[in-house]
Amino acid sequence: MNPLDTFRLDGRVAFVSGGGGAIGSALGEAMGAAGARLVLADIDQGHADQAADRVRAAGAECIALAADITRESEADRVVAAALDAFGRLDIVVNAVGGGAGRVLFDAQDYPRDAWDWIMELNLRSTLIATQAAARAMIRGGNGGRVINIGSVRAQLGINAGYSAYVAAKGAIASLTRQWATEWARYGITVNTVSPTFVDTPQVATLLADETFKSGLISRVPIGRIGETSDLVGPVIFFASAASSFVTGQILTVDGGLTATQ
């Protein structure tokens, strides 16, 4: 057997939350190219449709749904749609998140409404989507893969008012280990890809500031900003049979940033 075949996803069905966003859509396209059938869920139907069109153009089956993945009923609806369309669910990728740069406050004054919003967007979305997917995987009896998109901020503080964001991402790292421990008996692996700053439309305004951009690059040993394509290889690995003996792991994708801390 060609060892590269272990990275294929033929016959697998993947649910990507935040599938219409820059990171989620890139991962959806990549998994489709690797043979998976896709369910892309996004708060914005138009973004989900555009991402699904790209997946289909590459030859993979895909459905696109508008859903607020912070709500249990919405996550259950997406999982039910996946089962109705494809008969199974094998992979969930949690790509909803972000928002930290919009609510920066000193730690001693961090307001409850901003804290709750960041927790909903980053932590609750991951919890709700994963629970819905895991229940379907356990019922299906075929094992499965849970892949979270975390952040290096789970392990690195930053002097920029990020209390809620680092708390949410730190909780995701802890849940990765807990879920991996609990669900191993069902053949479900759970891993997290933790990038540093990734160039997406969400941060375009920040990157337009050359002082900010050059300062960011100066802290990354490889000497550039992360791209959505940098997350593709790690996610394909965690989604595929190539990682069948890997679970509970946090993989930093950061150009060497955390190696310098």
C-alpha atoms as a PDB file:
ATOM      1  CA  MET A   1       0.000   0.000   0.000  1.00  0.00           C
ATOM      2  CA  ASN A   2       1.158   3.494  -0.800  1.00  0.00           C
ATOM      3  CA  PRO A   3       1.731   5.157   2.604  1.00  0.00           C
ATOM      4  CA  LEU A   4       0.293   8.400   1.240  1.00  0.00           C
ATOM      5  CA  ASP A   5      -3.064   6.630   0.919  1.00  0.00           C
ATOM      6  CA  THR A   6      -3.411   6.814   4.700  1.00  0.00           C
ATOM      7  CA  PHE A   7      -3.929  10.565   4.310  1.00  0.00           C
ATOM      8  CA  ARG A   8      -6.935  10.078   2.017  1.00  0.00           C
ATOM      9  CA  LEU A   9     -10.458  10.742   3.317  1.00  0.00           C
ATOM     10  CA  ASP A  10     -12.433   8.740   0.762  1.00  0.00           C
ATOM     11  CA  GLY A  11     -15.806   7.661   2.083  1.00  0.00           C
ATOM     12  CA  ARG A  12     -15.605   9.990   5.095  1.00  0.00           C
ATOM     13  CA  VAL A  13     -18.108  12.745   5.889  1.00  0.00           C
ATOM     14  CA  ALA A  14     -16.859  15.947   7.532  1.00  0.00           C
ATOM     15  CA  PHE A  15     -18.812  18.705   9.261  1.00  0.00           C
ATOM     16  CA  VAL A  16     -16.970  22.038   9.319  1.00  0.00           C
ATOM     17  CA  SER A  17     -18.419  24.673  11.625  1.00  0.00           C
ATOM     18  CA  GLY A  18     -17.516  28.145  10.417  1.00  0.00           C
ATOM     19  CA  GLY A  19     -17.239  26.524   7.004  1.00  0.00           C
ATOM     20  CA  GLY A  20     -17.866  29.781   5.173  1.00  0.00           C
ATOM     21  CA  GLY A  21     -15.009  31.623   6.849  1.00  0.00           C
ATOM     22  CA  ALA A  22     -11.470  31.970   5.559  1.00  0.00           C
ATOM     23  CA  ILE A  23     -10.044  29.129   7.643  1.00  0.00           C
ATOM     24  CA  GLY A  24     -13.096  26.872   7.566  1.00  0.00           C
ATOM     25  CA  SER A  25     -13.573  27.139   3.815  1.00  0.00           C
ATOM     26  CA  ALA A  26      -9.886  26.438   3.123  1.00  0.00           C
ATOM     27  CA  LEU A  27     -10.067  23.326   5.279  1.00  0.00           C
ATOM     28  CA  GLY A  28     -13.314  22.218   3.655  1.00  0.00           C
ATOM     29  CA  GLU A  29     -11.824  22.527   0.181  1.00  0.00           C
ATOM     30  CA  ALA A  30      -8.743  20.574   1.226  1.00  0.00           C
ATOM     31  CA  MET A  31     -10.736  17.749   2.787  1.00  0.00           C
ATOM     32  CA  GLY A  32     -12.924  17.581  -0.285  1.00  0.00           C
ATOM     33  CA  ALA A  33      -9.821  17.278  -2.460  1.00  0.00           C
ATOM     34  CA  ALA A  34      -8.697  14.433  -0.195  1.00  0.00           C
ATOM     35  CA  GLY A  35     -11.936  12.570  -0.874  1.00  0.00           C
ATOM     36  CA  ALA A  36     -14.305  13.614   1.915  1.00  0.00           C
ATOM     37  CA  ARG A  37     -17.911  14.650   1.515  1.00  0.00           C
ATOM     38  CA  LEU A  38     -18.560  17.960   3.249  1.00  0.00           C
ATOM     39  CA  VAL A  39     -21.188  19.675   5.345  1.00  0.00           C
ATOM     40  CA  LEU A  40     -20.301  23.356   5.706  1.00  0.00           C
ATOM     41  CA  ALA A  41     -22.196  25.305   8.351  1.00  0.00           C
ATOM     42  CA  ASP A  42     -21.838  29.050   8.796  1.00  0.00           C
ATOM     43  CA  ILE A  43     -23.804  31.869  10.387  1.00  0.00           C
ATOM     44  CA  ASP A  44     -23.948  33.431   6.896  1.00  0.00           C
ATOM     45  CA  GLN A  45     -25.701  31.331   4.252  1.00  0.00           C
ATOM     46  CA  GLY A  46     -24.068  33.257   1.422  1.00  0.00           C
ATOM     47  CA  HIS A  47     -20.563  32.558   2.709  1.00  0.00           C
ATOM     48  CA  ALA A  48     -21.418  28.881   3.186  1.00  0.00           C
ATOM     49  CA  ASP A  49     -22.806  28.661  -0.364  1.00  0.00           C
ATOM     50  CA  GLN A  50     -19.712  30.268  -1.873  1.00  0.00           C
ATOM     51  CA  ALA A  51     -17.428  27.861  -0.015  1.00  0.00           C
ATOM     52  CA  ALA A  52     -19.574  24.891  -1.029  1.00  0.00           C
ATOM     53  CA  ASP A  53     -19.419  25.936  -4.678  1.00  0.00           C
ATOM     54  CA  ARG A  54     -15.615  25.807  -4.525  1.00  0.00           C
ATOM     55  CA  VAL A  55     -15.708  22.360  -2.946  1.00  0.00           C
ATOM     56  CA  ARG A  56     -18.075  21.086  -5.639  1.00  0.00           C
ATOM     57  CA  ALA A  57     -15.996  22.663  -8.384  1.00  0.00           C
ATOM     58  CA  ALA A  58     -13.099  20.519  -7.177  1.00  0.00           C
ATOM     59  CA  GLY A  59     -15.270  17.413  -7.559  1.00  0.00           C
ATOM     60  CA  ALA A  60     -16.472  16.714  -4.014  1.00  0.00           C
ATOM     61  CA  GLU A  61     -20.017  16.419  -2.703  1.00  0.00           C
ATOM     62  CA  CYS A  62     -21.011  19.213  -0.356  1.00  0.00           C
ATOM     63  CA  ILE A  63     -24.034  20.744   1.346  1.00  0.00           C
ATOM     64  CA  ALA A  64     -24.104  24.245   2.826  1.00  0.00           C
ATOM     65  CA  LEU A  65     -26.239  25.321   5.758  1.00  0.00           C
ATOM     66  CA  ALA A  66     -26.822  28.527   7.683  1.00  0.00           C
ATOM     67  CA  ALA A  67     -26.560  27.793  11.404  1.00  0.00           C
ATOM     68  CA  ASP A  68     -25.651  29.412  14.697  1.00  0.00           C
ATOM     69  CA  ILE A  69     -23.434  26.721  16.184  1.00  0.00           C
ATOM     70  CA  THR A  70     -23.612  28.251  19.661  1.00  0.00           C
ATOM     71  CA  ARG A  71     -27.163  26.845  19.861  1.00  0.00           C
ATOM     72  CA  GLU A  72     -27.726  23.140  20.554  1.00  0.00           C
ATOM     73  CA  SER A  73     -30.745  22.891  18.280  1.00  0.00           C
ATOM     74  CA  GLU A  74     -28.815  24.375  15.376  1.00  0.00           C
ATOM     75  CA  ALA A  75     -25.869  22.007  15.800  1.00  0.00           C
ATOM     76  CA  ASP A  76     -28.247  19.051  16.053  1.00  0.00           C
ATOM     77  CA  ARG A  77     -29.961  20.213  12.855  1.00  0.00           C
ATOM     78  CA  VAL A  78     -26.652  20.321  10.964  1.00  0.00           C
ATOM     79  CA  VAL A  79     -25.669  16.856  12.159  1.00  0.00           C
ATOM     80  CA  ALA A  80     -29.107  15.510  11.188  1.00  0.00           C
ATOM     81  CA  ALA A  81     -28.680  17.050   7.720  1.00  0.00           C
ATOM     82  CA  ALA A  82     -25.299  15.343   7.368  1.00  0.00           C
ATOM     83  CA  LEU A  83     -26.822  11.987   8.267  1.00  0.00           C
ATOM     84  CA  ASP A  84     -29.781  12.535   5.934  1.00  0.00           C
ATOM     85  CA  ALA A  85     -27.545  13.520   3.024  1.00  0.00           C
ATOM     86  CA  PHE A  86     -24.673  11.080   3.472  1.00  0.00           C
ATOM     87  CA  GLY A  87     -25.734   8.450   5.997  1.00  0.00           C
ATOM     88  CA  ARG A  88     -22.852   8.977   8.392  1.00  0.00           C
ATOM     89  CA  LEU A  89     -20.593  11.491  10.103  1.00  0.00           C
ATOM     90  CA  ASP A  90     -16.888  10.870  10.659  1.00  0.00           C
ATOM     91  CA  ILE A  91     -15.162  14.202  11.222  1.00  0.00           C
ATOM     92  CA  VAL A  92     -15.963  17.506  12.873  1.00  0.00           C
ATOM     93  CA  VAL A  93     -13.712  20.542  12.451  1.00  0.00           C
ATOM     94  CA  ASN A  94     -14.421  23.444  14.791  1.00  0.00           C
ATOM     95  CA  ALA A  95     -13.426  26.560  12.870  1.00  0.00           C
ATOM     96  CA  VAL A  96     -15.739  29.127  14.480  1.00  0.00           C
ATOM     97  CA  GLY A  97     -13.844  31.665  16.567  1.00  0.00           C
ATOM     98  CA  GLY A  98     -11.858  34.877  16.728  1.00  0.00           C
ATOM     99  CA  GLY A  99     -13.155  38.258  17.790  1.00  0.00           C
ATOM    100  CA  ALA A 100     -10.466  39.031  20.352  1.00  0.00           C
ATOM    101  CA  GLY A 101      -9.254  42.185  18.642  1.00  0.00           C
ATOM    102  CA  ARG A 102     -12.750  43.703  18.856  1.00  0.00           C
ATOM    103  CA  VAL A 103     -13.029  43.524  22.659  1.00  0.00           C
ATOM    104  CA  LEU A 104      -9.742  44.455  24.314  1.00  0.00           C
ATOM    105  CA  PHE A 105      -9.948  45.401  27.983  1.00  0.00           C
ATOM    106  CA  ASP A 106      -7.602  45.460  30.948  1.00  0.00           C
ATOM    107  CA  ALA A 107      -7.905  42.223  32.924  1.00  0.00           C
ATOM    108  CA  GLN A 108      -9.145  43.922  36.087  1.00  0.00           C
ATOM    109  CA  ASP A 109     -11.960  45.660  34.179  1.00  0.00           C
ATOM    110  CA  TYR A 110     -12.939  43.046  31.590  1.00  0.00           C
ATOM    111  CA  PRO A 111     -16.729  43.492  31.181  1.00  0.00           C
ATOM    112  CA  ARG A 112     -19.136  40.595  31.473  1.00  0.00           C
ATOM    113  CA  ASP A 113     -20.888  41.159  28.131  1.00  0.00           C
ATOM    114  CA  ALA A 114     -17.609  41.120  26.182  1.00  0.00           C
ATOM    115  CA  TRP A 115     -16.400  38.085  28.139  1.00  0.00           C
ATOM    116  CA  ASP A 116     -19.604  36.169  27.435  1.00  0.00           C
ATOM    117  CA  TRP A 117     -19.482  37.018  23.726  1.00  0.00           C
ATOM    118  CA  ILE A 118     -15.918  35.738  23.320  1.00  0.00           C
ATOM    119  CA  MET A 119     -16.756  32.591  25.264  1.00  0.00           C
ATOM    120  CA  GLU A 120     -19.832  31.967  23.117  1.00  0.00           C
ATOM    121  CA  LEU A 121     -17.959  32.514  19.878  1.00  0.00           C
ATOM    122  CA  ASN A 122     -14.877  30.462  20.710  1.00  0.00           C
ATOM    123  CA  LEU A 123     -15.632  27.984  23.486  1.00  0.00           C
ATOM    124  CA  ARG A 124     -19.363  27.339  23.351  1.00  0.00           C
ATOM    125  CA  SER A 125     -19.335  26.922  19.568  1.00  0.00           C
ATOM    126  CA  THR A 126     -16.664  24.238  19.933  1.00  0.00           C
ATOM    127  CA  LEU A 127     -18.491  22.500  22.780  1.00  0.00           C
ATOM    128  CA  ILE A 128     -21.906  22.451  21.089  1.00  0.00           C
ATOM    129  CA  ALA A 129     -20.743  21.314  17.655  1.00  0.00           C
ATOM    130  CA  THR A 130     -18.507  18.626  19.128  1.00  0.00           C
ATOM    131  CA  GLN A 131     -21.187  17.216  21.415  1.00  0.00           C
ATOM    132  CA  ALA A 132     -23.670  16.955  18.547  1.00  0.00           C
ATOM    133  CA  ALA A 133     -21.106  15.328  16.254  1.00  0.00           C
ATOM    134  CA  ALA A 134     -19.775  12.972  18.932  1.00  0.00           C
ATOM    135  CA  ARG A 135     -23.240  11.654  19.706  1.00  0.00           C
ATOM    136  CA  ALA A 136     -23.694  10.800  16.021  1.00  0.00           C
ATOM    137  CA  MET A 137     -20.245   9.189  15.821  1.00  0.00           C
ATOM    138  CA  ILE A 138     -20.892   7.067  18.917  1.00  0.00           C
ATOM    139  CA  ARG A 139     -24.257   5.919  17.537  1.00  0.00           C
ATOM    140  CA  GLY A 140     -22.654   5.181  14.169  1.00  0.00           C
ATOM    141  CA  GLY A 141     -20.052   2.903  15.708  1.00  0.00           C
ATOM    142  CA  ASN A 142     -17.358   3.768  13.148  1.00  0.00           C
ATOM    143  CA  GLY A 143     -15.125   5.924  15.327  1.00  0.00           C
ATOM    144  CA  GLY A 144     -14.416   9.479  14.314  1.00  0.00           C
ATOM    145  CA  ARG A 145     -12.204  12.534  14.395  1.00  0.00           C
ATOM    146  CA  VAL A 146     -12.651  15.781  16.326  1.00  0.00           C
ATOM    147  CA  ILE A 147     -10.352  18.606  15.250  1.00  0.00           C
ATOM    148  CA  ASN A 148     -10.388  21.923  17.057  1.00  0.00           C
ATOM    149  CA  ILE A 149      -8.844  25.145  15.818  1.00  0.00           C
ATOM    150  CA  GLY A 150      -7.198  26.638  18.883  1.00  0.00           C
ATOM    151  CA  SER A 151      -4.546  29.300  19.307  1.00  0.00           C
ATOM    152  CA  VAL A 152      -1.064  29.734  20.710  1.00  0.00           C
ATOM    153  CA  ARG A 153      -2.816  32.103  23.122  1.00  0.00           C
ATOM    154  CA  ALA A 154      -3.890  28.993  25.026  1.00  0.00           C
ATOM    155  CA  GLN A 155      -0.307  28.876  26.313  1.00  0.00           C
ATOM    156  CA  LEU A 156       1.062  32.386  25.783  1.00  0.00           C
ATOM    157  CA  GLY A 157      -0.188  35.527  27.460  1.00  0.00           C
ATOM    158  CA  ILE A 158      -0.188  38.798  25.562  1.00  0.00           C
ATOM    159  CA  ASN A 159      -0.153  42.311  26.992  1.00  0.00           C
ATOM    160  CA  ALA A 160      -3.109  43.424  24.918  1.00  0.00           C
ATOM    161  CA  GLY A 161      -6.373  42.880  26.813  1.00  0.00           C
ATOM    162  CA  TYR A 162      -7.026  39.305  25.684  1.00  0.00           C
ATOM    163  CA  SER A 163      -8.278  37.789  28.987  1.00  0.00           C
ATOM    164  CA  ALA A 164     -11.456  36.213  27.585  1.00  0.00           C
ATOM    165  CA  TYR A 165      -9.811  34.936  24.419  1.00  0.00           C
ATOM    166  CA  VAL A 166      -6.903  33.220  26.172  1.00  0.00           C
ATOM    167  CA  ALA A 167      -9.346  31.700  28.670  1.00  0.00           C
ATOM    168  CA  ALA A 168     -11.522  30.310  25.879  1.00  0.00           C
ATOM    169  CA  LYS A 169      -8.612  28.870  23.924  1.00  0.00           C
ATOM    170  CA  GLY A 170      -7.055  27.472  27.090  1.00  0.00           C
ATOM    171  CA  ALA A 171     -10.321  25.702  27.854  1.00  0.00           C
ATOM    172  CA  ILE A 172     -10.358  24.196  24.349  1.00  0.00           C
ATOM    173  CA  ALA A 173      -6.873  22.785  24.926  1.00  0.00           C
ATOM    174  CA  SER A 174      -8.032  21.214  28.196  1.00  0.00           C
ATOM    175  CA  LEU A 175     -11.190  19.820  26.614  1.00  0.00           C
ATOM    176  CA  THR A 176      -9.079  18.300  23.852  1.00  0.00           C
ATOM    177  CA  ARG A 177      -7.302  16.154  26.418  1.00  0.00           C
ATOM    178  CA  GLN A 178     -10.487  15.377  28.353  1.00  0.00           C
ATOM    179  CA  TRP A 179     -12.535  14.390  25.309  1.00  0.00           C
ATOM    180  CA  ALA A 180      -9.655  12.321  23.951  1.00  0.00           C
ATOM    181  CA  THR A 181      -9.596  10.402  27.218  1.00  0.00           C
ATOM    182  CA  GLU A 182     -13.348   9.838  27.386  1.00  0.00           C
ATOM    183  CA  TRP A 183     -14.014   9.021  23.744  1.00  0.00           C
ATOM    184  CA  ALA A 184     -11.035   6.791  22.964  1.00  0.00           C
ATOM    185  CA  ARG A 185     -13.187   3.767  23.802  1.00  0.00           C
ATOM    186  CA  TYR A 186     -15.442   4.704  20.896  1.00  0.00           C
ATOM    187  CA  GLY A 187     -12.560   5.016  18.442  1.00  0.00           C
ATOM    188  CA  ILE A 188     -12.871   8.817  18.372  1.00  0.00           C
ATOM    189  CA  THR A 189      -9.649  10.838  18.402  1.00  0.00           C
ATOM    190  CA  VAL A 190      -9.577  14.471  19.493  1.00  0.00           C
ATOM    191  CA  ASN A 191      -6.794  16.889  18.580  1.00  0.00           C
ATOM    192  CA  THR A 192      -6.273  20.634  18.264  1.00  0.00           C
ATOM    193  CA  VAL A 193      -4.363  22.707  15.725  1.00  0.00           C
ATOM    194  CA  SER A 194      -3.176  25.915  17.403  1.00  0.00           C
ATOM    195  CA  PRO A 195      -1.952  28.601  15.018  1.00  0.00           C
ATOM    196  CA  THR A 196      -0.478  31.957  15.695  1.00  0.00           C
ATOM    197  CA  PHE A 197      -1.801  34.994  13.799  1.00  0.00           C
ATOM    198  CA  VAL A 198      -3.282  33.884  10.443  1.00  0.00           C
ATOM    199  CA  ASP A 199      -3.828  36.258   7.522  1.00  0.00           C
ATOM    200  CA  THR A 200      -7.606  36.349   6.970  1.00  0.00           C
ATOM    201  CA  PRO A 201     -10.111  39.093   6.082  1.00  0.00           C
ATOM    202  CA  GLN A 202     -11.010  39.257   9.774  1.00  0.00           C
ATOM    203  CA  VAL A 203      -7.592  40.800  10.531  1.00  0.00           C
ATOM    204  CA  ALA A 204      -7.092  42.790   7.327  1.00  0.00           C
ATOM    205  CA  THR A 205      -7.363  46.119   9.158  1.00  0.00           C
ATOM    206  CA  LEU A 206      -4.633  45.125  11.612  1.00  0.00           C
ATOM    207  CA  LEU A 207      -2.318  43.962   8.843  1.00  0.00           C
ATOM    208  CA  ALA A 208      -2.828  47.238   6.994  1.00  0.00           C
ATOM    209  CA  ASP A 209      -0.843  48.835   9.823  1.00  0.00           C
ATOM    210  CA  GLU A 210       2.755  48.313   8.689  1.00  0.00           C
ATOM    211  CA  THR A 211       4.146  48.911  12.174  1.00  0.00           C
ATOM    212  CA  PHE A 212       1.904  46.207  13.594  1.00  0.00           C
ATOM    213  CA  LYS A 213       2.643  43.844  10.723  1.00  0.00           C
ATOM    214  CA  SER A 214       6.423  44.225  10.875  1.00  0.00           C
ATOM    215  CA  GLY A 215       6.375  43.789  14.654  1.00  0.00           C
ATOM    216  CA  LEU A 216       4.385  40.591  14.272  1.00  0.00           C
ATOM    217  CA  ILE A 217       6.717  39.171  11.655  1.00  0.00           C
ATOM    218  CA  SER A 218       9.788  40.032  13.734  1.00  0.00           C
ATOM    219  CA  ARG A 219       8.589  37.668  16.492  1.00  0.00           C
ATOM    220  CA  VAL A 220       8.147  34.667  14.161  1.00  0.00           C
ATOM    221  CA  PRO A 221      11.427  32.835  13.451  1.00  0.00           C
ATOM    222  CA  ILE A 222      10.298  31.689  10.003  1.00  0.00           C
ATOM    223  CA  GLY A 223       9.745  35.352   9.227  1.00  0.00           C
ATOM    224  CA  ARG A 224       6.221  35.554   7.854  1.00  0.00           C
ATOM    225  CA  ILE A 225       2.580  35.586   8.865  1.00  0.00           C
ATOM    226  CA  GLY A 226       0.589  32.362   8.851  1.00  0.00           C
ATOM    227  CA  GLU A 227      -1.667  31.552   5.909  1.00  0.00           C
ATOM    228  CA  THR A 228      -4.826  29.461   5.891  1.00  0.00           C
ATOM    229  CA  SER A 229      -2.942  26.943   3.733  1.00  0.00           C
ATOM    230  CA  ASP A 230      -0.555  26.335   6.638  1.00  0.00           C
ATOM    231  CA  LEU A 231      -3.393  24.676   8.546  1.00  0.00           C
ATOM    232  CA  VAL A 232      -4.352  22.276   5.767  1.00  0.00           C
ATOM    233  CA  GLY A 233      -1.641  19.642   6.286  1.00  0.00           C
ATOM    234  CA  PRO A 234      -2.139  19.334  10.052  1.00  0.00           C
ATOM    235  CA  VAL A 235      -5.927  19.076   9.701  1.00  0.00           C
ATOM    236  CA  ILE A 236      -5.714  16.448   6.956  1.00  0.00           C
ATOM    237  CA  PHE A 237      -3.317  14.484   9.156  1.00  0.00           C
ATOM    238  CA  PHE A 238      -5.621  14.605  12.172  1.00  0.00           C
ATOM    239  CA  ALA A 239      -8.674  13.769  10.022  1.00  0.00           C
ATOM    240  CA  SER A 240      -7.102  10.756   8.345  1.00  0.00           C
ATOM    241  CA  ALA A 241      -5.974   7.239   9.207  1.00  0.00           C
ATOM    242  CA  ALA A 242      -2.403   8.551   9.301  1.00  0.00           C
ATOM    243  CA  SER A 243      -3.108   9.835  12.829  1.00  0.00           C
ATOM    244  CA  SER A 244      -4.985   6.779  14.130  1.00  0.00           C
ATOM    245  CA  PHE A 245      -2.672   6.493  17.173  1.00  0.00           C
ATOM    246  CA  VAL A 246      -2.618  10.231  17.910  1.00  0.00           C
ATOM    247  CA  THR A 247      -5.127  11.779  20.279  1.00  0.00           C
ATOM    248  CA  GLY A 248      -5.293  14.470  22.940  1.00  0.00           C
ATOM    249  CA  GLN A 249      -2.592  16.522  21.224  1.00  0.00           C
ATOM    250  CA  ILE A 250      -2.154  20.264  20.715  1.00  0.00           C
ATOM    251  CA  LEU A 251      -0.148  20.984  17.564  1.00  0.00           C
ATOM    252  CA  THR A 252       1.175  24.533  17.341  1.00  0.00           C
ATOM    253  CA  VAL A 253       1.416  25.918  13.800  1.00  0.00           C
ATOM    254  CA  ASP A 254       3.271  29.125  14.489  1.00  0.00           C
ATOM    255  CA  GLY A 255       6.444  29.465  12.450  1.00  0.00           C
ATOM    256  CA  GLY A 256       8.479  28.786  15.580  1.00  0.00           C
ATOM    257  CA  LEU A 257       6.904  31.487  17.747  1.00  0.00           C
ATOM    258  CA  THR A 258       6.363  29.336  20.821  1.00  0.00           C
ATOM    259  CA  ALA A 259       9.867  27.894  20.511  1.00  0.00           C
ATOM    260  CA  THR A 260      11.231  31.347  21.344  1.00  0.00           C
ATOM    261  CA  GLN A 261       9.116  31.907  24.453  1.00  0.00           C
END
